[in-house]
Amino acid sequence: MEQRYIYLIRHGAIESKGGKRFIGQIDLPISQEGVMQANRLREELSCIRFNHICSSDLRRARQTAEIIADKHNLTPILHQELKEISLGEWEGLYFEEIRRKFPKEFIQRGKDIANFRPPGGENFRQLSERVLNKFQYIMENTDGNILITGHAGVNRVIICHILGVPIDNIFSISQDYGCLNLIGWSKGKYRLKTLNKLTKIIPA
């Protein structure tokens, strides 16, 4: 049985003026910093032979995947199931706004991160189900090395699954913008080899 590697990427940085917001499925582009991060990943991974490149269909992930794919003469395959978690009515709101407008819900979220669902959104268990179903589908219908460009939440549920970490502890796993996670697969088993690796950004 072949040895395979999954290069799991978080998309490049987005504009974050005004403080920390709940972004979720808002379809934002990557910033200039994000472009630089994607370019560094493209160069670092230029010597890897990829059979397939997959991506969330949100613009920030798609743009990152397209920059990397340019070196490999591949077109990223987009999967809507790899979208970031839906935050419903909370999308676009700043953390302080949530604390002020939804104080009880904000406390509840902190107490039960796996099962709390914002109005009109998803919880992390629902995210995990849709992402892992698609991840398994991708693995079963591809061969060789693959690159997947996702989001912080998407990547975390995949890594939680591989490590056997409960979803309740999902935020113990760091996923910075433009990071690389390397997962090995052999004899039906996954092994996390690299977590949240960042490449040095060198200005053009």
C-alpha atoms as a PDB file:
ATOM      1  CA  MET A   1       0.000   0.000   0.000  1.00  0.00           C
ATOM      2  CA  GLU A   2       1.444   3.360  -1.035  1.00  0.00           C
ATOM      3  CA  GLN A   3       2.755   6.036   1.280  1.00  0.00           C
ATOM      4  CA  ARG A   4       0.900   9.313   0.746  1.00  0.00           C
ATOM      5  CA  TYR A   5       1.212  12.827   2.124  1.00  0.00           C
ATOM      6  CA  ILE A   6      -1.486  15.409   2.666  1.00  0.00           C
ATOM      7  CA  TYR A   7      -0.274  19.010   2.742  1.00  0.00           C
ATOM      8  CA  LEU A   8      -2.984  20.805   4.712  1.00  0.00           C
ATOM      9  CA  ILE A   9      -2.773  24.597   4.367  1.00  0.00           C
ATOM     10  CA  ARG A  10      -4.611  27.444   6.012  1.00  0.00           C
ATOM     11  CA  HIS A  11      -5.334  30.264   3.573  1.00  0.00           C
ATOM     12  CA  GLY A  12      -3.272  33.440   3.614  1.00  0.00           C
ATOM     13  CA  ALA A  13      -4.056  36.430   5.817  1.00  0.00           C
ATOM     14  CA  ILE A  14      -7.097  38.637   5.283  1.00  0.00           C
ATOM     15  CA  GLU A  15      -7.547  42.290   6.239  1.00  0.00           C
ATOM     16  CA  SER A  16      -8.299  42.532   9.950  1.00  0.00           C
ATOM     17  CA  LYS A  17      -8.720  46.234  10.668  1.00  0.00           C
ATOM     18  CA  GLY A  18     -10.674  47.183  13.778  1.00  0.00           C
ATOM     19  CA  GLY A  19     -10.038  44.103  15.905  1.00  0.00           C
ATOM     20  CA  LYS A  20     -11.000  40.437  15.992  1.00  0.00           C
ATOM     21  CA  ARG A  21     -14.216  39.494  14.182  1.00  0.00           C
ATOM     22  CA  PHE A  22     -16.239  36.368  13.584  1.00  0.00           C
ATOM     23  CA  ILE A  23     -15.639  35.824   9.863  1.00  0.00           C
ATOM     24  CA  GLY A  24     -17.055  32.365   9.197  1.00  0.00           C
ATOM     25  CA  GLN A  25     -18.286  32.084   5.616  1.00  0.00           C
ATOM     26  CA  ILE A  26     -18.005  35.769   4.652  1.00  0.00           C
ATOM     27  CA  ASP A  27     -16.313  35.580   1.255  1.00  0.00           C
ATOM     28  CA  LEU A  28     -13.254  37.791   1.729  1.00  0.00           C
ATOM     29  CA  PRO A  29     -10.105  37.921  -0.428  1.00  0.00           C
ATOM     30  CA  ILE A  30      -6.608  37.492   0.973  1.00  0.00           C
ATOM     31  CA  SER A  31      -4.669  40.650   1.783  1.00  0.00           C
ATOM     32  CA  GLN A  32      -1.285  41.643   0.365  1.00  0.00           C
ATOM     33  CA  GLU A  33       0.291  39.863   3.330  1.00  0.00           C
ATOM     34  CA  GLY A  34      -1.785  36.810   2.430  1.00  0.00           C
ATOM     35  CA  VAL A  35      -0.506  36.920  -1.150  1.00  0.00           C
ATOM     36  CA  MET A  36       3.065  37.010   0.160  1.00  0.00           C
ATOM     37  CA  GLN A  37       2.360  34.016   2.413  1.00  0.00           C
ATOM     38  CA  ALA A  38       0.886  32.071  -0.503  1.00  0.00           C
ATOM     39  CA  ASN A  39       3.893  32.941  -2.663  1.00  0.00           C
ATOM     40  CA  ARG A  40       6.264  31.629   0.007  1.00  0.00           C
ATOM     41  CA  LEU A  41       4.281  28.398   0.227  1.00  0.00           C
ATOM     42  CA  ARG A  42       4.392  28.102  -3.562  1.00  0.00           C
ATOM     43  CA  GLU A  43       8.178  28.328  -3.507  1.00  0.00           C
ATOM     44  CA  GLU A  44       8.612  26.000  -0.530  1.00  0.00           C
ATOM     45  CA  LEU A  45       6.382  23.354  -2.104  1.00  0.00           C
ATOM     46  CA  SER A  46       7.613  23.779  -5.674  1.00  0.00           C
ATOM     47  CA  CYS A  47       9.669  20.577  -5.521  1.00  0.00           C
ATOM     48  CA  ILE A  48       6.758  18.435  -4.255  1.00  0.00           C
ATOM     49  CA  ARG A  49       4.875  16.378  -6.804  1.00  0.00           C
ATOM     50  CA  PHE A  50       1.156  16.848  -6.216  1.00  0.00           C
ATOM     51  CA  ASN A  51      -1.376  14.627  -7.934  1.00  0.00           C
ATOM     52  CA  HIS A  52      -4.286  16.781  -6.788  1.00  0.00           C
ATOM     53  CA  ILE A  53      -4.921  20.194  -5.225  1.00  0.00           C
ATOM     54  CA  CYS A  54      -8.217  20.712  -3.413  1.00  0.00           C
ATOM     55  CA  SER A  55      -9.653  23.804  -1.768  1.00  0.00           C
ATOM     56  CA  SER A  56     -12.592  25.332  -0.006  1.00  0.00           C
ATOM     57  CA  ASP A  57     -14.608  27.343  -2.505  1.00  0.00           C
ATOM     58  CA  LEU A  58     -14.384  30.524  -0.402  1.00  0.00           C
ATOM     59  CA  ARG A  59     -12.287  33.160  -2.158  1.00  0.00           C
ATOM     60  CA  ARG A  60      -9.514  33.440   0.443  1.00  0.00           C
ATOM     61  CA  ALA A  61      -8.809  29.683   0.251  1.00  0.00           C
ATOM     62  CA  ARG A  62      -9.263  29.504  -3.519  1.00  0.00           C
ATOM     63  CA  GLN A  63      -6.815  32.376  -4.126  1.00  0.00           C
ATOM     64  CA  THR A  64      -4.204  30.741  -1.895  1.00  0.00           C
ATOM     65  CA  ALA A  65      -4.628  27.397  -3.671  1.00  0.00           C
ATOM     66  CA  GLU A  66      -4.411  28.999  -7.118  1.00  0.00           C
ATOM     67  CA  ILE A  67      -1.122  30.737  -6.283  1.00  0.00           C
ATOM     68  CA  ILE A  68       0.416  27.465  -5.075  1.00  0.00           C
ATOM     69  CA  ALA A  69      -1.073  25.441  -7.964  1.00  0.00           C
ATOM     70  CA  ASP A  70       0.514  27.757 -10.526  1.00  0.00           C
ATOM     71  CA  LYS A  71       3.868  25.990 -10.033  1.00  0.00           C
ATOM     72  CA  HIS A  72       2.334  22.562 -10.609  1.00  0.00           C
ATOM     73  CA  ASN A  73       0.175  23.105 -13.700  1.00  0.00           C
ATOM     74  CA  LEU A  74      -2.847  21.972 -11.721  1.00  0.00           C
ATOM     75  CA  THR A  75      -6.276  23.541 -11.318  1.00  0.00           C
ATOM     76  CA  PRO A  76      -7.589  23.430  -7.747  1.00  0.00           C
ATOM     77  CA  ILE A  77     -10.737  21.340  -7.293  1.00  0.00           C
ATOM     78  CA  LEU A  78     -13.201  23.336  -5.189  1.00  0.00           C
ATOM     79  CA  HIS A  79     -15.331  21.698  -2.496  1.00  0.00           C
ATOM     80  CA  GLN A  80     -18.069  23.660  -0.744  1.00  0.00           C
ATOM     81  CA  GLU A  81     -17.958  21.160   2.130  1.00  0.00           C
ATOM     82  CA  LEU A  82     -14.513  22.535   3.018  1.00  0.00           C
ATOM     83  CA  LYS A  83     -15.950  25.985   3.765  1.00  0.00           C
ATOM     84  CA  GLU A  84     -15.256  27.492   7.176  1.00  0.00           C
ATOM     85  CA  ILE A  85     -17.843  27.017   9.919  1.00  0.00           C
ATOM     86  CA  SER A  86     -21.040  29.026   9.421  1.00  0.00           C
ATOM     87  CA  LEU A  87     -21.545  31.518  12.245  1.00  0.00           C
ATOM     88  CA  GLY A  88     -25.026  32.585  11.176  1.00  0.00           C
ATOM     89  CA  GLU A  89     -26.136  35.909  12.637  1.00  0.00           C
ATOM     90  CA  TRP A  90     -22.744  36.381  14.307  1.00  0.00           C
ATOM     91  CA  GLU A  91     -20.809  36.609  11.052  1.00  0.00           C
ATOM     92  CA  GLY A  92     -18.998  39.909  10.609  1.00  0.00           C
ATOM     93  CA  LEU A  93     -19.504  40.981  14.229  1.00  0.00           C
ATOM     94  CA  TYR A  94     -16.610  41.894  16.513  1.00  0.00           C
ATOM     95  CA  PHE A  95     -16.044  39.899  19.683  1.00  0.00           C
ATOM     96  CA  GLU A  96     -17.016  42.871  21.851  1.00  0.00           C
ATOM     97  CA  GLU A  97     -20.261  43.248  19.903  1.00  0.00           C
ATOM     98  CA  ILE A  98     -21.110  39.609  20.574  1.00  0.00           C
ATOM     99  CA  ARG A  99     -20.373  39.989  24.285  1.00  0.00           C
ATOM    100  CA  ARG A 100     -22.631  43.043  24.408  1.00  0.00           C
ATOM    101  CA  LYS A 101     -25.520  41.870  22.212  1.00  0.00           C
ATOM    102  CA  PHE A 102     -25.547  38.163  23.137  1.00  0.00           C
ATOM    103  CA  PRO A 103     -24.048  37.959  26.662  1.00  0.00           C
ATOM    104  CA  LYS A 104     -25.745  34.680  27.706  1.00  0.00           C
ATOM    105  CA  GLU A 105     -25.002  32.997  24.391  1.00  0.00           C
ATOM    106  CA  PHE A 106     -21.376  34.131  24.488  1.00  0.00           C
ATOM    107  CA  ILE A 107     -20.935  32.533  27.923  1.00  0.00           C
ATOM    108  CA  GLN A 108     -22.701  29.379  26.752  1.00  0.00           C
ATOM    109  CA  ARG A 109     -20.346  29.154  23.769  1.00  0.00           C
ATOM    110  CA  GLY A 110     -17.349  29.219  26.085  1.00  0.00           C
ATOM    111  CA  LYS A 111     -18.813  26.455  28.240  1.00  0.00           C
ATOM    112  CA  ASP A 112     -19.746  24.111  25.376  1.00  0.00           C
ATOM    113  CA  ILE A 113     -17.705  25.012  22.304  1.00  0.00           C
ATOM    114  CA  ALA A 114     -18.403  21.695  20.555  1.00  0.00           C
ATOM    115  CA  ASN A 115     -22.201  21.924  20.677  1.00  0.00           C
ATOM    116  CA  PHE A 116     -23.012  25.636  20.804  1.00  0.00           C
ATOM    117  CA  ARG A 117     -24.601  26.909  17.598  1.00  0.00           C
ATOM    118  CA  PRO A 118     -25.018  30.653  16.891  1.00  0.00           C
ATOM    119  CA  PRO A 119     -28.452  31.615  15.532  1.00  0.00           C
ATOM    120  CA  GLY A 120     -28.600  30.426  11.921  1.00  0.00           C
ATOM    121  CA  GLY A 121     -25.133  28.864  12.083  1.00  0.00           C
ATOM    122  CA  GLU A 122     -23.365  25.587  12.788  1.00  0.00           C
ATOM    123  CA  ASN A 123     -21.668  24.056  15.783  1.00  0.00           C
ATOM    124  CA  PHE A 124     -18.259  22.408  15.629  1.00  0.00           C
ATOM    125  CA  ARG A 125     -19.709  18.893  15.662  1.00  0.00           C
ATOM    126  CA  GLN A 126     -21.696  19.711  12.529  1.00  0.00           C
ATOM    127  CA  LEU A 127     -18.601  21.245  10.942  1.00  0.00           C
ATOM    128  CA  SER A 128     -16.608  18.146  11.810  1.00  0.00           C
ATOM    129  CA  GLU A 129     -19.170  15.827  10.238  1.00  0.00           C
ATOM    130  CA  ARG A 130     -19.311  17.625   6.887  1.00  0.00           C
ATOM    131  CA  VAL A 131     -15.558  18.222   6.668  1.00  0.00           C
ATOM    132  CA  LEU A 132     -14.512  14.692   7.642  1.00  0.00           C
ATOM    133  CA  ASN A 133     -17.021  13.146   5.227  1.00  0.00           C
ATOM    134  CA  LYS A 134     -15.502  15.196   2.402  1.00  0.00           C
ATOM    135  CA  PHE A 135     -11.938  14.522   3.586  1.00  0.00           C
ATOM    136  CA  GLN A 136     -12.613  10.771   3.489  1.00  0.00           C
ATOM    137  CA  TYR A 137     -14.184  11.139   0.039  1.00  0.00           C
ATOM    138  CA  ILE A 138     -11.124  13.014  -1.240  1.00  0.00           C
ATOM    139  CA  MET A 139      -8.757  10.371   0.137  1.00  0.00           C
ATOM    140  CA  GLU A 140     -10.765   7.524  -1.369  1.00  0.00           C
ATOM    141  CA  ASN A 141     -11.024   9.150  -4.795  1.00  0.00           C
ATOM    142  CA  THR A 142      -7.463  10.411  -5.264  1.00  0.00           C
ATOM    143  CA  ASP A 143      -3.988   8.957  -5.212  1.00  0.00           C
ATOM    144  CA  GLY A 144      -0.516  10.224  -4.475  1.00  0.00           C
ATOM    145  CA  ASN A 145       0.288  13.455  -2.660  1.00  0.00           C
ATOM    146  CA  ILE A 146      -2.480  16.018  -2.291  1.00  0.00           C
ATOM    147  CA  LEU A 147      -2.675  19.601  -1.114  1.00  0.00           C
ATOM    148  CA  ILE A 148      -5.783  20.888   0.641  1.00  0.00           C
ATOM    149  CA  THR A 149      -6.309  24.586   1.311  1.00  0.00           C
ATOM    150  CA  GLY A 150      -8.800  25.164   4.094  1.00  0.00           C
ATOM    151  CA  HIS A 151      -9.564  27.339   7.086  1.00  0.00           C
ATOM    152  CA  ALA A 152      -8.682  27.379  10.776  1.00  0.00           C
ATOM    153  CA  GLY A 153     -11.834  25.512  11.829  1.00  0.00           C
ATOM    154  CA  VAL A 154     -11.709  23.084   8.908  1.00  0.00           C
ATOM    155  CA  ASN A 155      -8.061  22.203   9.483  1.00  0.00           C
ATOM    156  CA  ARG A 156      -8.559  21.859  13.216  1.00  0.00           C
ATOM    157  CA  VAL A 157     -11.343  19.275  12.912  1.00  0.00           C
ATOM    158  CA  ILE A 158      -9.206  17.210  10.506  1.00  0.00           C
ATOM    159  CA  ILE A 159      -6.238  17.374  12.887  1.00  0.00           C
ATOM    160  CA  CYS A 160      -8.441  16.587  15.899  1.00  0.00           C
ATOM    161  CA  HIS A 161      -9.672  13.486  14.074  1.00  0.00           C
ATOM    162  CA  ILE A 162      -6.140  12.324  13.241  1.00  0.00           C
ATOM    163  CA  LEU A 163      -4.822  12.916  16.778  1.00  0.00           C
ATOM    164  CA  GLY A 164      -7.921  11.638  18.562  1.00  0.00           C
ATOM    165  CA  VAL A 165      -8.417  15.016  20.246  1.00  0.00           C
ATOM    166  CA  PRO A 166     -12.010  15.713  21.402  1.00  0.00           C
ATOM    167  CA  ILE A 167     -13.774  18.555  19.582  1.00  0.00           C
ATOM    168  CA  ASP A 168     -14.165  20.257  22.978  1.00  0.00           C
ATOM    169  CA  ASN A 169     -10.405  20.917  22.837  1.00  0.00           C
ATOM    170  CA  ILE A 170     -10.365  22.171  19.249  1.00  0.00           C
ATOM    171  CA  PHE A 171      -8.808  25.530  20.143  1.00  0.00           C
ATOM    172  CA  SER A 172      -5.776  23.827  21.690  1.00  0.00           C
ATOM    173  CA  ILE A 173      -4.588  23.381  18.078  1.00  0.00           C
ATOM    174  CA  SER A 174      -2.998  26.478  16.550  1.00  0.00           C
ATOM    175  CA  GLN A 175      -3.638  27.371  12.909  1.00  0.00           C
ATOM    176  CA  ASP A 176      -2.035  30.628  11.822  1.00  0.00           C
ATOM    177  CA  TYR A 177      -2.627  32.288   8.470  1.00  0.00           C
ATOM    178  CA  GLY A 178      -0.562  30.652   5.741  1.00  0.00           C
ATOM    179  CA  CYS A 179       0.501  27.700   7.896  1.00  0.00           C
ATOM    180  CA  LEU A 180       1.385  24.218   6.677  1.00  0.00           C
ATOM    181  CA  ASN A 181       0.421  20.925   8.310  1.00  0.00           C
ATOM    182  CA  LEU A 182       1.916  17.707   6.939  1.00  0.00           C
ATOM    183  CA  ILE A 183      -0.006  14.464   7.352  1.00  0.00           C
ATOM    184  CA  GLY A 184       1.349  11.076   6.351  1.00  0.00           C
ATOM    185  CA  TRP A 185      -0.884   8.175   5.327  1.00  0.00           C
ATOM    186  CA  SER A 186       0.247   4.561   5.118  1.00  0.00           C
ATOM    187  CA  LYS A 187      -1.435   1.191   5.639  1.00  0.00           C
ATOM    188  CA  GLY A 188      -4.737   2.885   6.357  1.00  0.00           C
ATOM    189  CA  LYS A 189      -3.377   5.048   9.180  1.00  0.00           C
ATOM    190  CA  TYR A 190      -2.711   8.777   9.449  1.00  0.00           C
ATOM    191  CA  ARG A 191       0.214  10.396  11.207  1.00  0.00           C
ATOM    192  CA  LEU A 192       0.640  14.108  11.845  1.00  0.00           C
ATOM    193  CA  LYS A 193       4.235  14.955  10.980  1.00  0.00           C
ATOM    194  CA  THR A 194       4.190  18.784  11.002  1.00  0.00           C
ATOM    195  CA  LEU A 195       1.778  21.161  12.738  1.00  0.00           C
ATOM    196  CA  ASN A 196       1.226  24.869  12.041  1.00  0.00           C
ATOM    197  CA  LYS A 197       4.534  25.443  10.256  1.00  0.00           C
ATOM    198  CA  LEU A 198       5.047  28.995   9.042  1.00  0.00           C
ATOM    199  CA  THR A 199       7.298  30.004   6.184  1.00  0.00           C
ATOM    200  CA  LYS A 200       9.366  33.162   6.449  1.00  0.00           C
ATOM    201  CA  ILE A 201       7.900  35.978   4.384  1.00  0.00           C
ATOM    202  CA  ILE A 202      10.503  37.715   2.261  1.00  0.00           C
ATOM    203  CA  PRO A 203       9.211  40.931   0.648  1.00  0.00           C
ATOM    204  CA  ALA A 204       9.488  40.973  -3.161  1.00  0.00           C
END
